[in-house]
Amino acid sequence: IFMLLLSTSSLAGYGLHRIFEFAKKSEYDGIDLCIDFSAFDTFNAEYLRKLSADFGVKIVSVTMPEKQLTTNQLEFVLQMAADLGVKMVNIHPPHRSEKEKDWFGEHLKVLQQKYQNLMLNVINAPPKTWMFIIAAYGDARPETIKKMTEHTALSIANIDPNSGVDLMRTFYLLGSTMEFVYLSDKREGDEKLFPGKGLMPLESLLIKLNTVKFSGIFSLQVDPQALGAGNDDAVLQNLERAKHYLYKYFEKK
């Protein structure tokens, strides 16, 4: 059975305590914790364990920072996630210009072997080029990333329909390795929109996922403005709307 999580990045600007409270009130299935090494609470295991227990809301997945990740940071978070009983860790491919990127590739396979109770999902990278020719994220195409740990996560925000690899094509390329979907919408120059507010073929994707009996995880990952952050009533209403959007295509058993 699928799950719908609330990404902590969707309510950036609120403290984790409030975000857990919103997830509890909205009856989401858990939290997708976005690690931010400048926000100490996001990697304080003791505090996270207490929050989870106090609200009865599980941290189901952890999402690593998009940029400048080091091997030490990655291994620290994997150990923390394992200790907290997290199910999945989602990892962005490093940008070509980053100094430390040795952890990406063979080392990830080794880590997947070490942490067998954790599923390490590699996230599809934006199809950007560097100096107009070189792939900005190295060889992080869907066909390549799915071979690393054999588990992947689909970021709708990272899809560029004009790149030749649109949303449905990415879905087909990732195939049965796709365990996780960051749910949002986008249009030219505007990403992480509320589902249904952009131009992505979300309906086609969700119908297809339902047809293949996708039993993975969705994480609502939108811009805080899309949820009306700052107005608690609006946030709760929008969290409810996002649930209904998904449940139109995926019936909650």
Protein backbone atom coordinates (compact mmCIF):
# COMPACT_ATOMS: atom_id res chain seq x y z
CA ILE A 1 0.00 0.00 0.00
CA PHE A 2 1.31 3.46 -0.91
CA MET A 3 2.07 6.22 1.63
CA LEU A 4 1.83 10.01 1.48
CA LEU A 5 4.43 11.93 3.47
CA LEU A 6 4.89 15.60 4.19
CA SER A 7 8.32 16.89 3.15
CA THR A 8 9.71 19.24 5.80
CA SER A 9 10.95 21.47 2.94
CA SER A 10 7.31 22.21 2.03
CA LEU A 11 7.00 24.12 5.30
CA ALA A 12 10.49 25.61 5.49
CA GLY A 13 10.28 28.63 7.77
CA TYR A 14 8.39 26.65 10.43
CA GLY A 15 10.25 24.71 13.12
CA LEU A 16 10.16 20.91 12.99
CA HIS A 17 7.81 20.83 16.00
CA ARG A 18 5.16 22.75 14.05
CA ILE A 19 5.73 20.68 10.90
CA PHE A 20 5.13 17.44 12.84
CA GLU A 21 2.01 19.05 14.29
CA PHE A 22 0.71 19.87 10.78
CA ALA A 23 1.44 16.31 9.61
CA LYS A 24 -0.44 14.91 12.62
CA LYS A 25 -3.47 17.18 12.19
CA SER A 26 -3.63 16.48 8.45
CA GLU A 27 -3.25 12.73 8.99
CA TYR A 28 -0.32 12.31 6.63
CA ASP A 29 1.37 8.92 6.80
CA GLY A 30 4.63 10.37 8.08
CA ILE A 31 7.47 12.80 7.50
CA ASP A 32 10.08 13.08 4.77
CA LEU A 33 12.88 14.78 6.66
CA CYS A 34 15.05 17.08 4.52
CA ILE A 35 18.50 17.30 6.04
CA ASP A 36 19.98 20.80 6.23
CA PHE A 37 23.42 20.96 7.83
CA SER A 38 22.82 24.58 8.84
CA ALA A 39 19.60 23.61 10.69
CA PHE A 40 20.86 21.54 13.62
CA ASP A 41 17.49 20.06 14.59
CA THR A 42 17.31 18.19 11.27
CA PHE A 43 20.15 15.86 12.28
CA ASN A 44 19.71 15.70 16.06
CA ALA A 45 18.68 12.06 16.51
CA GLU A 46 17.54 12.44 20.12
CA TYR A 47 15.30 15.43 19.34
CA LEU A 48 13.89 13.74 16.22
CA ARG A 49 13.09 10.57 18.16
CA LYS A 50 11.25 12.62 20.80
CA LEU A 51 9.26 14.61 18.21
CA SER A 52 8.24 11.42 16.47
CA ALA A 53 7.13 9.82 19.76
CA ASP A 54 5.33 12.95 21.04
CA PHE A 55 3.23 13.33 17.89
CA GLY A 56 2.96 9.66 16.93
CA VAL A 57 4.26 10.61 13.47
CA LYS A 58 7.03 8.51 11.95
CA ILE A 59 10.00 9.78 10.00
CA VAL A 60 9.60 7.40 7.08
CA SER A 61 12.25 8.84 4.77
CA VAL A 62 15.18 11.20 4.81
CA THR A 63 16.24 13.41 1.89
CA MET A 64 19.87 14.47 1.66
CA PRO A 65 20.87 18.06 0.76
CA GLU A 66 20.99 18.83 -2.96
CA LYS A 67 24.50 20.26 -2.97
CA GLN A 68 27.98 19.91 -1.50
CA LEU A 69 27.40 16.59 0.26
CA THR A 70 30.52 14.95 1.71
CA THR A 71 31.16 11.25 2.31
CA ASN A 72 31.33 11.86 6.08
CA GLN A 73 27.99 13.69 6.08
CA LEU A 74 26.35 10.96 4.03
CA GLU A 75 27.61 8.19 6.31
CA PHE A 76 26.63 10.16 9.44
CA VAL A 77 23.05 10.59 8.19
CA LEU A 78 22.76 6.96 7.07
CA GLN A 79 23.78 5.81 10.55
CA MET A 80 21.29 8.24 12.14
CA ALA A 81 18.52 7.08 9.78
CA ALA A 82 19.27 3.44 10.60
CA ASP A 83 19.17 4.21 14.35
CA LEU A 84 15.82 6.00 13.97
CA GLY A 85 14.26 3.12 12.03
CA VAL A 86 13.83 5.19 8.87
CA LYS A 87 12.80 3.21 5.79
CA MET A 88 14.46 5.14 2.95
CA VAL A 89 17.17 7.71 2.27
CA ASN A 90 16.97 9.75 -0.94
CA ILE A 91 20.22 11.01 -2.45
CA HIS A 92 20.85 13.66 -5.15
CA PRO A 93 23.63 13.07 -7.70
CA PRO A 94 26.46 15.58 -7.16
CA HIS A 95 27.02 18.49 -9.55
CA ARG A 96 30.11 18.15 -11.75
CA SER A 97 31.69 21.25 -10.13
CA GLU A 98 31.58 19.84 -6.59
CA LYS A 99 34.89 19.03 -4.95
CA GLU A 100 33.83 15.85 -3.18
CA LYS A 101 31.84 13.39 -5.23
CA ASP A 102 33.69 10.10 -4.74
CA TRP A 103 30.79 8.80 -2.65
CA PHE A 104 28.59 8.70 -5.78
CA GLY A 105 28.81 5.46 -7.73
CA GLU A 106 30.53 2.35 -6.41
CA HIS A 107 30.64 3.67 -2.85
CA LEU A 108 26.84 3.93 -2.80
CA LYS A 109 26.61 0.22 -3.66
CA VAL A 110 28.90 -0.55 -0.72
CA LEU A 111 26.75 1.59 1.60
CA GLN A 112 23.57 -0.13 0.36
CA GLN A 113 25.17 -3.45 1.32
CA LYS A 114 26.17 -2.10 4.73
CA TYR A 115 22.72 -0.66 5.55
CA GLN A 116 20.47 -3.44 4.34
CA ASN A 117 17.44 -2.21 6.30
CA LEU A 118 17.68 1.18 4.58
CA MET A 119 16.66 1.65 0.98
CA LEU A 120 19.01 4.12 -0.73
CA ASN A 121 17.13 5.84 -3.55
CA VAL A 122 19.07 7.87 -6.14
CA ILE A 123 17.07 10.91 -7.32
CA ASN A 124 16.89 11.83 -11.02
CA ALA A 125 19.10 14.87 -11.71
CA PRO A 126 18.01 17.95 -13.70
CA PRO A 127 19.14 17.50 -17.34
CA LYS A 128 21.25 20.68 -17.24
CA THR A 129 24.44 21.25 -19.17
CA TRP A 130 27.59 23.03 -18.06
CA MET A 131 29.15 25.44 -20.56
CA PHE A 132 26.34 24.32 -22.93
CA ILE A 133 27.89 20.93 -23.71
CA ILE A 134 28.89 18.91 -20.66
CA ALA A 135 26.21 17.24 -18.51
CA ALA A 136 26.16 19.25 -15.27
CA TYR A 137 25.49 16.16 -13.16
CA GLY A 138 27.89 13.81 -14.92
CA ASP A 139 26.34 10.58 -16.10
CA ALA A 140 23.28 10.78 -13.86
CA ARG A 141 20.76 9.75 -16.51
CA PRO A 142 17.80 7.59 -15.41
CA GLU A 143 19.35 4.55 -17.16
CA THR A 144 22.54 4.97 -15.10
CA ILE A 145 21.21 5.89 -11.67
CA LYS A 146 18.86 2.91 -11.59
CA LYS A 147 21.85 0.55 -11.67
CA MET A 148 23.57 2.06 -8.62
CA THR A 149 21.52 0.77 -5.71
CA GLU A 150 18.66 -0.49 -7.90
CA HIS A 151 16.37 1.94 -6.08
CA THR A 152 15.39 5.39 -7.36
CA ALA A 153 13.26 8.41 -6.49
CA LEU A 154 11.43 10.56 -9.04
CA SER A 155 11.62 14.33 -8.59
CA ILE A 156 9.01 16.04 -10.76
CA ALA A 157 10.78 19.38 -10.11
CA ASN A 158 13.90 17.97 -11.83
CA ILE A 159 12.10 17.06 -15.07
CA ASP A 160 12.57 19.24 -18.14
CA PRO A 161 9.93 18.37 -20.76
CA ASN A 162 12.09 20.06 -23.44
CA SER A 163 15.11 17.84 -22.77
CA GLY A 164 13.75 14.87 -24.70
CA VAL A 165 13.24 12.99 -21.44
CA ASP A 166 9.87 14.13 -20.14
CA LEU A 167 7.96 12.95 -17.07
CA MET A 168 6.45 9.80 -18.57
CA ARG A 169 9.71 8.87 -20.30
CA THR A 170 11.58 9.20 -16.99
CA PHE A 171 8.96 7.03 -15.31
CA TYR A 172 9.41 4.32 -17.97
CA LEU A 173 13.21 4.52 -17.78
CA LEU A 174 13.29 4.21 -13.98
CA GLY A 175 10.80 1.36 -14.20
CA SER A 176 10.44 -0.95 -11.21
CA THR A 177 13.40 0.69 -9.39
CA MET A 178 11.19 3.72 -8.61
CA GLU A 179 10.28 3.58 -4.94
CA PHE A 180 9.55 7.24 -4.19
CA VAL A 181 7.87 10.22 -5.88
CA TYR A 182 8.29 13.88 -4.89
CA LEU A 183 4.81 15.16 -5.67
CA SER A 184 4.64 18.68 -7.11
CA ASP A 185 3.89 20.40 -10.39
CA LYS A 186 5.79 22.81 -12.62
CA ARG A 187 5.63 25.03 -15.68
CA GLU A 188 8.28 27.03 -17.51
CA GLY A 189 10.35 28.90 -14.92
CA ASP A 190 8.19 27.83 -11.98
CA GLU A 191 8.67 24.62 -10.03
CA LYS A 192 7.40 22.96 -6.85
CA LEU A 193 3.89 24.22 -7.56
CA PHE A 194 0.82 22.71 -5.93
CA PRO A 195 -0.23 19.49 -7.76
CA GLY A 196 -2.53 20.40 -10.65
CA LYS A 197 -1.36 24.03 -10.83
CA GLY A 198 1.32 23.48 -13.47
CA LEU A 199 1.65 21.82 -16.85
CA MET A 200 3.13 18.43 -15.97
CA PRO A 201 1.09 15.33 -16.97
CA LEU A 202 0.56 14.36 -13.33
CA GLU A 203 -2.77 12.74 -14.06
CA SER A 204 -1.19 10.37 -16.61
CA LEU A 205 1.62 9.54 -14.19
CA LEU A 206 -0.72 8.79 -11.29
CA ILE A 207 -3.10 6.71 -13.41
CA LYS A 208 -0.11 4.72 -14.69
CA LEU A 209 1.32 4.26 -11.19
CA ASN A 210 -2.06 3.02 -10.01
CA THR A 211 -2.26 0.61 -12.95
CA VAL A 212 1.13 -0.93 -12.08
CA LYS A 213 0.05 -1.09 -8.40
CA PHE A 214 2.79 1.25 -7.18
CA SER A 215 3.25 0.54 -3.48
CA GLY A 216 5.96 3.11 -2.84
CA ILE A 217 5.97 6.50 -1.22
CA PHE A 218 4.80 9.95 -2.26
CA SER A 219 6.20 13.02 -0.54
CA LEU A 220 4.42 16.33 -0.97
CA GLN A 221 7.34 18.60 -1.84
CA VAL A 222 6.12 22.05 -2.85
CA ASP A 223 7.19 25.63 -2.29
CA PRO A 224 5.95 26.82 1.15
CA GLN A 225 4.00 29.61 -0.62
CA ALA A 226 2.02 26.93 -2.47
CA LEU A 227 0.70 25.78 0.92
CA GLY A 228 0.00 29.30 2.17
CA ALA A 229 2.80 29.12 4.76
CA GLY A 230 2.35 31.75 7.44
CA ASN A 231 -1.42 31.22 7.59
CA ASP A 232 -2.01 28.04 9.59
CA ASP A 233 -5.62 27.57 8.45
CA ALA A 234 -4.59 27.88 4.80
CA VAL A 235 -1.77 25.36 5.35
CA LEU A 236 -4.16 22.80 6.85
CA GLN A 237 -6.69 23.32 4.04
CA ASN A 238 -4.00 22.94 1.37
CA LEU A 239 -2.53 19.83 2.99
CA GLU A 240 -6.04 18.36 2.87
CA ARG A 241 -6.44 19.39 -0.79
CA ALA A 242 -3.14 17.74 -1.73
CA LYS A 243 -4.29 14.52 -0.07
CA HIS A 244 -7.55 14.57 -2.03
CA TYR A 245 -5.65 15.27 -5.25
CA LEU A 246 -3.65 12.07 -4.79
CA TYR A 247 -6.56 10.01 -3.46
CA LYS A 248 -8.54 10.69 -6.64
CA TYR A 249 -6.11 8.33 -8.36
CA PHE A 250 -4.97 6.22 -5.43
CA GLU A 251 -7.66 4.92 -3.17
CA LYS A 252 -6.61 4.72 0.46
CA LYS A 253 -7.45 1.20 1.69
